Amino acid sequence: MYSQPEPRIVIIEDDQTIREGYAYLINHTSPYTVVATYPSFDSARNKIGRDNPDVIILDIQLPGTNGIDALPILKKLLPDVYIIMLTVYETEKTILDALANGASGYFTKNTPTAKLIEAIRDVVQGGGPMSPDVAKTVILSLQRNPDSPLTKRETQILELMTTGKDRGQIAKELFIEIETVRTHTKNIYSKLNVNSKSEAIQVAKDKRLV
């Protein structure tokens, strides 16, 4: 009986230890074969067509062309390829940009190899595997009210308020001045027609603004 060949994998990752570690473990602990590895998209660009991968494991923070910008180019070169993002970055914008540009899965770099091997199997079967923290970010984004009157920065500040952080902690986390936080907070109260942090949090939750 004819059986399908196991998927061919290409890894594009600038950290040599991570790149070689994943390649070794995938080759030795799974039925899949890593046919090539590259330290950047630019070094892979002219060769990856000949590699003919079924799945590409792609880092986001690459020298030269970054992973987000590489995604649509790879999908044009290899329309049927599945691309799993592997990154330390899990900001909402990065995740949504990656998925919008054609990523099939999204994992953070602390993901155990066994989970990554499972993800390879899942994507070739039509799934969209993600780290739990990434999936949570995507779900929250989809649940959020698209008609929110708040700007992205105001939403960030309000989200941090709901976790109990004060102005100083919010300023530190977002790398902005306390006075800037104060101004944004004033704007939030005005837009939501409230006079206190607790009222703002309640309205935000009721209207799904965070």
C-alpha atoms as a PDB file:
ATOM      1  CA  MET A   1       0.000   0.000   0.000  1.00  0.00           C
ATOM      2  CA  TYR A   2       1.358   3.443  -0.985  1.00  0.00           C
ATOM      3  CA  SER A   3       2.017   5.761   1.937  1.00  0.00           C
ATOM      4  CA  GLN A   4       2.604   9.483   1.908  1.00  0.00           C
ATOM      5  CA  PRO A   5       6.228  10.553   2.478  1.00  0.00           C
ATOM      6  CA  GLU A   6       6.805  12.195   5.844  1.00  0.00           C
ATOM      7  CA  PRO A   7       6.915  16.019   5.783  1.00  0.00           C
ATOM      8  CA  ARG A   8      10.176  17.757   4.915  1.00  0.00           C
ATOM      9  CA  ILE A   9      11.157  20.526   7.335  1.00  0.00           C
ATOM     10  CA  VAL A  10      13.240  23.683   6.895  1.00  0.00           C
ATOM     11  CA  ILE A  11      14.299  25.755   9.928  1.00  0.00           C
ATOM     12  CA  ILE A  12      15.101  29.474   9.571  1.00  0.00           C
ATOM     13  CA  GLU A  13      16.508  30.669  12.907  1.00  0.00           C
ATOM     14  CA  ASP A  14      19.478  32.951  13.567  1.00  0.00           C
ATOM     15  CA  ASP A  15      20.430  31.412  16.927  1.00  0.00           C
ATOM     16  CA  GLN A  16      22.759  28.546  15.993  1.00  0.00           C
ATOM     17  CA  THR A  17      22.195  26.607  19.225  1.00  0.00           C
ATOM     18  CA  ILE A  18      18.406  26.692  18.853  1.00  0.00           C
ATOM     19  CA  ARG A  19      18.594  25.971  15.117  1.00  0.00           C
ATOM     20  CA  GLU A  20      20.881  22.971  15.457  1.00  0.00           C
ATOM     21  CA  GLY A  21      19.127  21.731  18.611  1.00  0.00           C
ATOM     22  CA  TYR A  22      15.703  21.631  16.976  1.00  0.00           C
ATOM     23  CA  ALA A  23      17.120  20.069  13.800  1.00  0.00           C
ATOM     24  CA  TYR A  24      18.849  17.302  15.752  1.00  0.00           C
ATOM     25  CA  LEU A  25      15.829  16.543  17.928  1.00  0.00           C
ATOM     26  CA  ILE A  26      13.333  16.575  15.047  1.00  0.00           C
ATOM     27  CA  ASN A  27      15.577  14.283  12.984  1.00  0.00           C
ATOM     28  CA  HIS A  28      16.201  11.867  15.851  1.00  0.00           C
ATOM     29  CA  THR A  29      12.909  11.837  17.783  1.00  0.00           C
ATOM     30  CA  SER A  30      10.272  12.169  15.055  1.00  0.00           C
ATOM     31  CA  PRO A  31       9.419  10.694  11.667  1.00  0.00           C
ATOM     32  CA  TYR A  32      10.123  14.072  10.039  1.00  0.00           C
ATOM     33  CA  THR A  33      13.306  15.117   8.252  1.00  0.00           C
ATOM     34  CA  VAL A  34      14.964  18.516   8.500  1.00  0.00           C
ATOM     35  CA  VAL A  35      16.254  18.973   4.935  1.00  0.00           C
ATOM     36  CA  ALA A  36      17.936  22.352   5.523  1.00  0.00           C
ATOM     37  CA  THR A  37      18.557  25.040   8.124  1.00  0.00           C
ATOM     38  CA  TYR A  38      19.347  28.707   7.565  1.00  0.00           C
ATOM     39  CA  PRO A  39      20.456  31.582   9.840  1.00  0.00           C
ATOM     40  CA  SER A  40      18.296  34.120   7.954  1.00  0.00           C
ATOM     41  CA  PHE A  41      15.543  34.371   5.377  1.00  0.00           C
ATOM     42  CA  ASP A  42      17.897  36.202   3.027  1.00  0.00           C
ATOM     43  CA  SER A  43      20.296  33.230   3.013  1.00  0.00           C
ATOM     44  CA  ALA A  44      17.385  30.840   2.408  1.00  0.00           C
ATOM     45  CA  ARG A  45      15.536  32.825  -0.243  1.00  0.00           C
ATOM     46  CA  ASN A  46      17.269  31.480  -3.365  1.00  0.00           C
ATOM     47  CA  LYS A  47      17.616  27.900  -2.131  1.00  0.00           C
ATOM     48  CA  ILE A  48      14.387  27.115  -0.314  1.00  0.00           C
ATOM     49  CA  GLY A  49      12.479  26.338  -3.516  1.00  0.00           C
ATOM     50  CA  ARG A  50      14.896  23.471  -4.214  1.00  0.00           C
ATOM     51  CA  ASP A  51      14.553  22.263  -0.603  1.00  0.00           C
ATOM     52  CA  ASN A  52      10.824  21.817  -1.340  1.00  0.00           C
ATOM     53  CA  PRO A  53       9.751  21.834   2.342  1.00  0.00           C
ATOM     54  CA  ASP A  54       6.293  20.923   3.551  1.00  0.00           C
ATOM     55  CA  VAL A  55       6.767  22.875   6.786  1.00  0.00           C
ATOM     56  CA  ILE A  56       8.990  25.864   7.599  1.00  0.00           C
ATOM     57  CA  ILE A  57       9.830  26.758  11.194  1.00  0.00           C
ATOM     58  CA  LEU A  58      10.467  30.487  11.009  1.00  0.00           C
ATOM     59  CA  ASP A  59      11.916  32.856  13.593  1.00  0.00           C
ATOM     60  CA  ILE A  60      10.526  36.403  13.645  1.00  0.00           C
ATOM     61  CA  GLN A  61      13.548  38.380  14.808  1.00  0.00           C
ATOM     62  CA  LEU A  62      15.970  37.608  11.970  1.00  0.00           C
ATOM     63  CA  PRO A  63      18.895  39.646  10.634  1.00  0.00           C
ATOM     64  CA  GLY A  64      17.940  41.339   7.359  1.00  0.00           C
ATOM     65  CA  THR A  65      14.368  40.506   6.339  1.00  0.00           C
ATOM     66  CA  ASN A  66      12.403  39.693   9.491  1.00  0.00           C
ATOM     67  CA  GLY A  67      10.046  36.747   9.763  1.00  0.00           C
ATOM     68  CA  ILE A  68       6.829  38.780   9.436  1.00  0.00           C
ATOM     69  CA  ASP A  69       8.025  40.356   6.167  1.00  0.00           C
ATOM     70  CA  ALA A  70       9.371  36.995   4.951  1.00  0.00           C
ATOM     71  CA  LEU A  71       5.996  35.269   5.400  1.00  0.00           C
ATOM     72  CA  PRO A  72       4.191  36.567   2.275  1.00  0.00           C
ATOM     73  CA  ILE A  73       7.331  36.045   0.168  1.00  0.00           C
ATOM     74  CA  LEU A  74       7.599  32.426   1.326  1.00  0.00           C
ATOM     75  CA  LYS A  75       3.902  31.834   0.654  1.00  0.00           C
ATOM     76  CA  LYS A  76       4.374  33.187  -2.875  1.00  0.00           C
ATOM     77  CA  LEU A  77       7.448  31.004  -3.462  1.00  0.00           C
ATOM     78  CA  LEU A  78       5.842  27.932  -1.881  1.00  0.00           C
ATOM     79  CA  PRO A  79       2.034  28.347  -1.897  1.00  0.00           C
ATOM     80  CA  ASP A  80       1.345  25.006  -0.202  1.00  0.00           C
ATOM     81  CA  VAL A  81       3.938  25.276   2.565  1.00  0.00           C
ATOM     82  CA  TYR A  82       2.910  25.438   6.229  1.00  0.00           C
ATOM     83  CA  ILE A  83       4.798  28.002   8.309  1.00  0.00           C
ATOM     84  CA  ILE A  84       5.154  27.762  12.075  1.00  0.00           C
ATOM     85  CA  MET A  85       6.443  30.927  13.745  1.00  0.00           C
ATOM     86  CA  LEU A  86       8.932  30.423  16.545  1.00  0.00           C
ATOM     87  CA  THR A  87       9.756  33.508  18.547  1.00  0.00           C
ATOM     88  CA  VAL A  88      10.314  35.177  21.896  1.00  0.00           C
ATOM     89  CA  TYR A  89       7.816  37.866  20.835  1.00  0.00           C
ATOM     90  CA  GLU A  90       4.177  37.348  21.699  1.00  0.00           C
ATOM     91  CA  THR A  91       2.739  40.848  21.479  1.00  0.00           C
ATOM     92  CA  GLU A  92      -0.769  40.995  20.088  1.00  0.00           C
ATOM     93  CA  LYS A  93       0.276  42.945  16.974  1.00  0.00           C
ATOM     94  CA  THR A  94       3.100  40.523  16.140  1.00  0.00           C
ATOM     95  CA  ILE A  95       0.847  37.488  16.543  1.00  0.00           C
ATOM     96  CA  LEU A  96      -2.001  38.949  14.482  1.00  0.00           C
ATOM     97  CA  ASP A  97       0.389  40.208  11.778  1.00  0.00           C
ATOM     98  CA  ALA A  98       1.945  36.740  11.510  1.00  0.00           C
ATOM     99  CA  LEU A  99      -1.428  35.014  11.228  1.00  0.00           C
ATOM    100  CA  ALA A 100      -2.692  37.599   8.723  1.00  0.00           C
ATOM    101  CA  ASN A 101       0.420  37.066   6.585  1.00  0.00           C
ATOM    102  CA  GLY A 102      -0.101  33.326   6.333  1.00  0.00           C
ATOM    103  CA  ALA A 103       1.404  31.672   9.416  1.00  0.00           C
ATOM    104  CA  SER A 104      -0.168  28.293  10.213  1.00  0.00           C
ATOM    105  CA  GLY A 105       1.037  28.126  13.824  1.00  0.00           C
ATOM    106  CA  TYR A 106       2.753  30.299  16.425  1.00  0.00           C
ATOM    107  CA  PHE A 107       4.972  29.179  19.285  1.00  0.00           C
ATOM    108  CA  THR A 108       7.276  30.858  21.767  1.00  0.00           C
ATOM    109  CA  LYS A 109      10.876  29.657  22.013  1.00  0.00           C
ATOM    110  CA  ASN A 110      10.401  28.023  25.399  1.00  0.00           C
ATOM    111  CA  THR A 111       8.163  25.443  23.699  1.00  0.00           C
ATOM    112  CA  PRO A 112       9.462  21.882  24.310  1.00  0.00           C
ATOM    113  CA  THR A 113      10.581  20.032  21.167  1.00  0.00           C
ATOM    114  CA  ALA A 114       7.868  17.406  21.694  1.00  0.00           C
ATOM    115  CA  LYS A 115       5.224  20.133  21.397  1.00  0.00           C
ATOM    116  CA  LEU A 116       6.858  21.482  18.240  1.00  0.00           C
ATOM    117  CA  ILE A 117       6.849  17.994  16.716  1.00  0.00           C
ATOM    118  CA  GLU A 118       3.142  17.730  17.592  1.00  0.00           C
ATOM    119  CA  ALA A 119       2.621  21.128  15.932  1.00  0.00           C
ATOM    120  CA  ILE A 120       4.238  19.888  12.703  1.00  0.00           C
ATOM    121  CA  ARG A 121       1.812  16.967  12.657  1.00  0.00           C
ATOM    122  CA  ASP A 122      -1.105  19.288  13.418  1.00  0.00           C
ATOM    123  CA  VAL A 123      -0.385  21.800  10.637  1.00  0.00           C
ATOM    124  CA  VAL A 124      -0.031  19.161   7.917  1.00  0.00           C
ATOM    125  CA  GLN A 125      -3.406  17.810   9.049  1.00  0.00           C
ATOM    126  CA  GLY A 126      -4.942  21.255   8.662  1.00  0.00           C
ATOM    127  CA  GLY A 127      -4.726  22.474  12.263  1.00  0.00           C
ATOM    128  CA  GLY A 128      -3.528  25.831  13.603  1.00  0.00           C
ATOM    129  CA  PRO A 129      -1.407  25.005  16.649  1.00  0.00           C
ATOM    130  CA  MET A 130      -0.327  27.734  19.083  1.00  0.00           C
ATOM    131  CA  SER A 131       1.261  28.062  22.498  1.00  0.00           C
ATOM    132  CA  PRO A 132      -1.460  28.465  25.162  1.00  0.00           C
ATOM    133  CA  ASP A 133      -0.369  32.043  25.898  1.00  0.00           C
ATOM    134  CA  VAL A 134      -0.501  32.915  22.195  1.00  0.00           C
ATOM    135  CA  ALA A 135      -3.939  31.347  21.779  1.00  0.00           C
ATOM    136  CA  LYS A 136      -5.183  33.365  24.761  1.00  0.00           C
ATOM    137  CA  THR A 137      -3.966  36.603  23.156  1.00  0.00           C
ATOM    138  CA  VAL A 138      -5.730  35.758  19.891  1.00  0.00           C
ATOM    139  CA  ILE A 139      -8.983  34.880  21.671  1.00  0.00           C
ATOM    140  CA  LEU A 140      -8.920  38.100  23.723  1.00  0.00           C
ATOM    141  CA  SER A 141      -8.322  40.092  20.549  1.00  0.00           C
ATOM    142  CA  LEU A 142     -11.308  38.454  18.842  1.00  0.00           C
ATOM    143  CA  GLN A 143     -13.507  38.983  21.893  1.00  0.00           C
ATOM    144  CA  ARG A 144     -12.668  42.668  22.225  1.00  0.00           C
ATOM    145  CA  ASN A 145     -15.262  45.162  21.076  1.00  0.00           C
ATOM    146  CA  PRO A 146     -14.172  46.516  17.649  1.00  0.00           C
ATOM    147  CA  ASP A 147     -16.170  49.710  18.249  1.00  0.00           C
ATOM    148  CA  SER A 148     -14.150  50.732  21.306  1.00  0.00           C
ATOM    149  CA  PRO A 149     -13.727  54.508  21.646  1.00  0.00           C
ATOM    150  CA  LEU A 150     -10.288  53.966  23.161  1.00  0.00           C
ATOM    151  CA  THR A 151      -6.975  54.175  21.342  1.00  0.00           C
ATOM    152  CA  LYS A 152      -4.601  51.221  21.389  1.00  0.00           C
ATOM    153  CA  ARG A 153      -2.453  52.879  24.086  1.00  0.00           C
ATOM    154  CA  GLU A 154      -5.489  53.708  26.219  1.00  0.00           C
ATOM    155  CA  THR A 155      -6.620  50.079  25.909  1.00  0.00           C
ATOM    156  CA  GLN A 156      -3.165  48.891  27.016  1.00  0.00           C
ATOM    157  CA  ILE A 157      -3.280  51.161  30.051  1.00  0.00           C
ATOM    158  CA  LEU A 158      -6.803  50.072  30.951  1.00  0.00           C
ATOM    159  CA  GLU A 159      -5.783  46.400  30.636  1.00  0.00           C
ATOM    160  CA  LEU A 160      -2.900  47.008  33.061  1.00  0.00           C
ATOM    161  CA  MET A 161      -5.277  48.821  35.436  1.00  0.00           C
ATOM    162  CA  THR A 162      -7.499  45.706  35.509  1.00  0.00           C
ATOM    163  CA  THR A 163      -4.494  43.682  36.735  1.00  0.00           C
ATOM    164  CA  GLY A 164      -4.141  46.035  39.722  1.00  0.00           C
ATOM    165  CA  LYS A 165      -1.108  47.993  38.542  1.00  0.00           C
ATOM    166  CA  ASP A 166      -0.722  51.606  39.628  1.00  0.00           C
ATOM    167  CA  ARG A 167       0.410  54.516  37.435  1.00  0.00           C
ATOM    168  CA  GLY A 168       4.076  54.069  38.296  1.00  0.00           C
ATOM    169  CA  GLN A 169       4.027  50.372  37.419  1.00  0.00           C
ATOM    170  CA  ILE A 170       2.116  51.053  34.195  1.00  0.00           C
ATOM    171  CA  ALA A 171       4.615  53.751  33.196  1.00  0.00           C
ATOM    172  CA  LYS A 172       7.516  51.383  33.825  1.00  0.00           C
ATOM    173  CA  GLU A 173       5.930  48.500  31.890  1.00  0.00           C
ATOM    174  CA  LEU A 174       5.077  50.643  28.852  1.00  0.00           C
ATOM    175  CA  PHE A 175       8.313  52.690  28.995  1.00  0.00           C
ATOM    176  CA  ILE A 176       6.456  55.998  29.258  1.00  0.00           C
ATOM    177  CA  GLU A 177       6.364  58.857  31.779  1.00  0.00           C
ATOM    178  CA  ILE A 178       3.935  58.812  34.718  1.00  0.00           C
ATOM    179  CA  GLU A 179       2.549  62.129  33.466  1.00  0.00           C
ATOM    180  CA  THR A 180       1.737  60.441  30.137  1.00  0.00           C
ATOM    181  CA  VAL A 181      -0.122  57.683  31.990  1.00  0.00           C
ATOM    182  CA  ARG A 182      -2.014  60.356  33.910  1.00  0.00           C
ATOM    183  CA  THR A 183      -3.052  62.095  30.667  1.00  0.00           C
ATOM    184  CA  HIS A 184      -4.184  58.823  29.073  1.00  0.00           C
ATOM    185  CA  THR A 185      -6.102  57.906  32.239  1.00  0.00           C
ATOM    186  CA  LYS A 186      -7.892  61.252  32.157  1.00  0.00           C
ATOM    187  CA  ASN A 187      -8.850  60.617  28.513  1.00  0.00           C
ATOM    188  CA  ILE A 188     -10.084  57.107  29.377  1.00  0.00           C
ATOM    189  CA  TYR A 189     -12.313  58.453  32.171  1.00  0.00           C
ATOM    190  CA  SER A 190     -13.676  61.142  29.845  1.00  0.00           C
ATOM    191  CA  LYS A 191     -14.426  58.710  26.982  1.00  0.00           C
ATOM    192  CA  LEU A 192     -16.069  56.183  29.295  1.00  0.00           C
ATOM    193  CA  ASN A 193     -17.896  58.889  31.260  1.00  0.00           C
ATOM    194  CA  VAL A 194     -16.559  57.662  34.619  1.00  0.00           C
ATOM    195  CA  ASN A 195     -14.768  59.257  37.571  1.00  0.00           C
ATOM    196  CA  SER A 196     -12.697  56.443  39.066  1.00  0.00           C
ATOM    197  CA  LYS A 197     -10.466  53.500  38.257  1.00  0.00           C
ATOM    198  CA  SER A 198     -13.025  50.982  39.563  1.00  0.00           C
ATOM    199  CA  GLU A 199     -15.787  52.508  37.407  1.00  0.00           C
ATOM    200  CA  ALA A 200     -13.510  52.491  34.351  1.00  0.00           C
ATOM    201  CA  ILE A 201     -12.672  48.807  34.872  1.00  0.00           C
ATOM    202  CA  GLN A 202     -16.342  47.917  35.307  1.00  0.00           C
ATOM    203  CA  VAL A 203     -17.434  49.758  32.143  1.00  0.00           C
ATOM    204  CA  ALA A 204     -14.515  48.258  30.211  1.00  0.00           C
ATOM    205  CA  LYS A 205     -15.547  44.741  31.216  1.00  0.00           C
ATOM    206  CA  ASP A 206     -19.240  45.366  30.529  1.00  0.00           C
ATOM    207  CA  LYS A 207     -18.516  46.729  27.061  1.00  0.00           C
ATOM    208  CA  ARG A 208     -15.720  44.206  26.299  1.00  0.00           C
ATOM    209  CA  LEU A 209     -13.130  46.949  25.804  1.00  0.00           C
ATOM    210  CA  VAL A 210     -10.388  44.833  27.399  1.00  0.00           C
END
